[in-house]
């Protein structure tokens, strides 16, 4: 089964997207920050990442994507 990672700091947004994707048969992993996305993707690379751009804290979506694309293990994953 293909896996999609949802990265968003707002729980209700993650939940809404997750419900929609699961209904269509996708395996979904949800995380709340760019840092969590990098750690999770390194442990289990998803087939696709849906990333929020504006997230509070130390890393926004652009920074997280740059880190993911800079890692050979996750560089090929579409975001």
C-alpha atoms as a PDB file:
ATOM      1  CA  UNK A   1       0.000   0.000   0.000  1.00  0.00           C
ATOM      2  CA  UNK A   2       1.326   3.458  -0.909  1.00  0.00           C
ATOM      3  CA  UNK A   3       1.965   5.920   1.908  1.00  0.00           C
ATOM      4  CA  UNK A   4       1.310   9.665   2.016  1.00  0.00           C
ATOM      5  CA  UNK A   5       2.747  11.860   4.758  1.00  0.00           C
ATOM      6  CA  UNK A   6       0.747  14.923   5.827  1.00  0.00           C
ATOM      7  CA  UNK A   7       2.759  17.695   7.473  1.00  0.00           C
ATOM      8  CA  UNK A   8       0.717  20.491   9.053  1.00  0.00           C
ATOM      9  CA  UNK A   9       0.794  22.234  12.415  1.00  0.00           C
ATOM     10  CA  UNK A  10      -3.010  22.404  12.598  1.00  0.00           C
ATOM     11  CA  UNK A  11      -4.554  19.130  13.846  1.00  0.00           C
ATOM     12  CA  UNK A  12      -7.933  19.714  12.203  1.00  0.00           C
ATOM     13  CA  UNK A  13      -6.293  20.175   8.778  1.00  0.00           C
ATOM     14  CA  UNK A  14      -4.260  16.977   9.198  1.00  0.00           C
ATOM     15  CA  UNK A  15      -7.380  15.106  10.266  1.00  0.00           C
ATOM     16  CA  UNK A  16      -9.486  16.337   7.341  1.00  0.00           C
ATOM     17  CA  UNK A  17      -6.836  15.444   4.750  1.00  0.00           C
ATOM     18  CA  UNK A  18      -6.180  12.097   6.441  1.00  0.00           C
ATOM     19  CA  UNK A  19      -9.870  11.142   6.381  1.00  0.00           C
ATOM     20  CA  UNK A  20     -10.116  11.994   2.686  1.00  0.00           C
ATOM     21  CA  UNK A  21      -7.003  10.037   1.749  1.00  0.00           C
ATOM     22  CA  UNK A  22      -7.817   6.974   3.865  1.00  0.00           C
ATOM     23  CA  UNK A  23     -11.249   6.833   2.256  1.00  0.00           C
ATOM     24  CA  UNK A  24      -9.463   6.479  -1.092  1.00  0.00           C
ATOM     25  CA  UNK A  25      -7.314   3.625   0.214  1.00  0.00           C
ATOM     26  CA  UNK A  26      -4.050   5.380   1.068  1.00  0.00           C
ATOM     27  CA  UNK A  27      -1.926   4.633   4.129  1.00  0.00           C
ATOM     28  CA  UNK A  28      -1.460   7.990   5.888  1.00  0.00           C
ATOM     29  CA  UNK A  29       1.192   9.210   8.310  1.00  0.00           C
ATOM     30  CA  UNK A  30       0.540  12.594   9.948  1.00  0.00           C
ATOM     31  CA  UNK A  31       3.143  14.788  11.640  1.00  0.00           C
ATOM     32  CA  UNK A  32       2.933  18.285  13.078  1.00  0.00           C
ATOM     33  CA  UNK A  33       6.256  19.882  12.098  1.00  0.00           C
ATOM     34  CA  UNK A  34       9.038  19.999   9.558  1.00  0.00           C
ATOM     35  CA  UNK A  35      11.429  18.455  12.045  1.00  0.00           C
ATOM     36  CA  UNK A  36       9.050  15.551  12.661  1.00  0.00           C
ATOM     37  CA  UNK A  37       8.618  15.097   8.900  1.00  0.00           C
ATOM     38  CA  UNK A  38      12.362  14.782   8.385  1.00  0.00           C
ATOM     39  CA  UNK A  39      12.714  12.244  11.187  1.00  0.00           C
ATOM     40  CA  UNK A  40       9.713  10.190  10.067  1.00  0.00           C
ATOM     41  CA  UNK A  41      10.725  10.247   6.385  1.00  0.00           C
ATOM     42  CA  UNK A  42      14.242   9.110   7.270  1.00  0.00           C
ATOM     43  CA  UNK A  43      12.835   6.183   9.259  1.00  0.00           C
ATOM     44  CA  UNK A  44      10.158   5.214   6.701  1.00  0.00           C
ATOM     45  CA  UNK A  45      10.240   7.170   3.429  1.00  0.00           C
ATOM     46  CA  UNK A  46       6.706   7.848   2.165  1.00  0.00           C
ATOM     47  CA  UNK A  47       5.636   7.751  -1.469  1.00  0.00           C
ATOM     48  CA  UNK A  48       4.388  11.360  -1.313  1.00  0.00           C
ATOM     49  CA  UNK A  49       4.544  14.245   1.170  1.00  0.00           C
ATOM     50  CA  UNK A  50       1.865  16.935   1.493  1.00  0.00           C
ATOM     51  CA  UNK A  51       3.618  19.808   3.276  1.00  0.00           C
ATOM     52  CA  UNK A  52       2.249  22.986   4.836  1.00  0.00           C
ATOM     53  CA  UNK A  53       4.445  26.002   4.093  1.00  0.00           C
ATOM     54  CA  UNK A  54       3.752  28.239   7.073  1.00  0.00           C
ATOM     55  CA  UNK A  55       4.413  26.386  10.317  1.00  0.00           C
ATOM     56  CA  UNK A  56       5.484  28.015  13.567  1.00  0.00           C
ATOM     57  CA  UNK A  57       8.621  26.949  15.342  1.00  0.00           C
ATOM     58  CA  UNK A  58      12.120  26.330  14.136  1.00  0.00           C
ATOM     59  CA  UNK A  59      11.435  25.094  10.603  1.00  0.00           C
ATOM     60  CA  UNK A  60       8.911  26.136   7.961  1.00  0.00           C
ATOM     61  CA  UNK A  61       7.815  24.020   5.010  1.00  0.00           C
ATOM     62  CA  UNK A  62      10.439  25.425   2.642  1.00  0.00           C
ATOM     63  CA  UNK A  63      13.247  24.568   5.057  1.00  0.00           C
ATOM     64  CA  UNK A  64      11.856  21.075   5.618  1.00  0.00           C
ATOM     65  CA  UNK A  65      11.646  20.428   1.871  1.00  0.00           C
ATOM     66  CA  UNK A  66      15.224  21.636   1.404  1.00  0.00           C
ATOM     67  CA  UNK A  67      16.401  19.228   4.115  1.00  0.00           C
ATOM     68  CA  UNK A  68      14.413  16.335   2.613  1.00  0.00           C
ATOM     69  CA  UNK A  69      15.760  17.030  -0.893  1.00  0.00           C
ATOM     70  CA  UNK A  70      19.294  17.262   0.516  1.00  0.00           C
ATOM     71  CA  UNK A  71      19.125  13.753   1.972  1.00  0.00           C
ATOM     72  CA  UNK A  72      19.745  10.965  -0.577  1.00  0.00           C
ATOM     73  CA  UNK A  73      17.270   8.704   1.285  1.00  0.00           C
ATOM     74  CA  UNK A  74      14.373  11.137   0.748  1.00  0.00           C
ATOM     75  CA  UNK A  75      15.508  13.258  -2.226  1.00  0.00           C
ATOM     76  CA  UNK A  76      13.344  11.389  -4.754  1.00  0.00           C
ATOM     77  CA  UNK A  77      10.144  11.662  -2.710  1.00  0.00           C
ATOM     78  CA  UNK A  78       7.700  14.084  -4.322  1.00  0.00           C
ATOM     79  CA  UNK A  79       6.499  16.911  -2.065  1.00  0.00           C
END
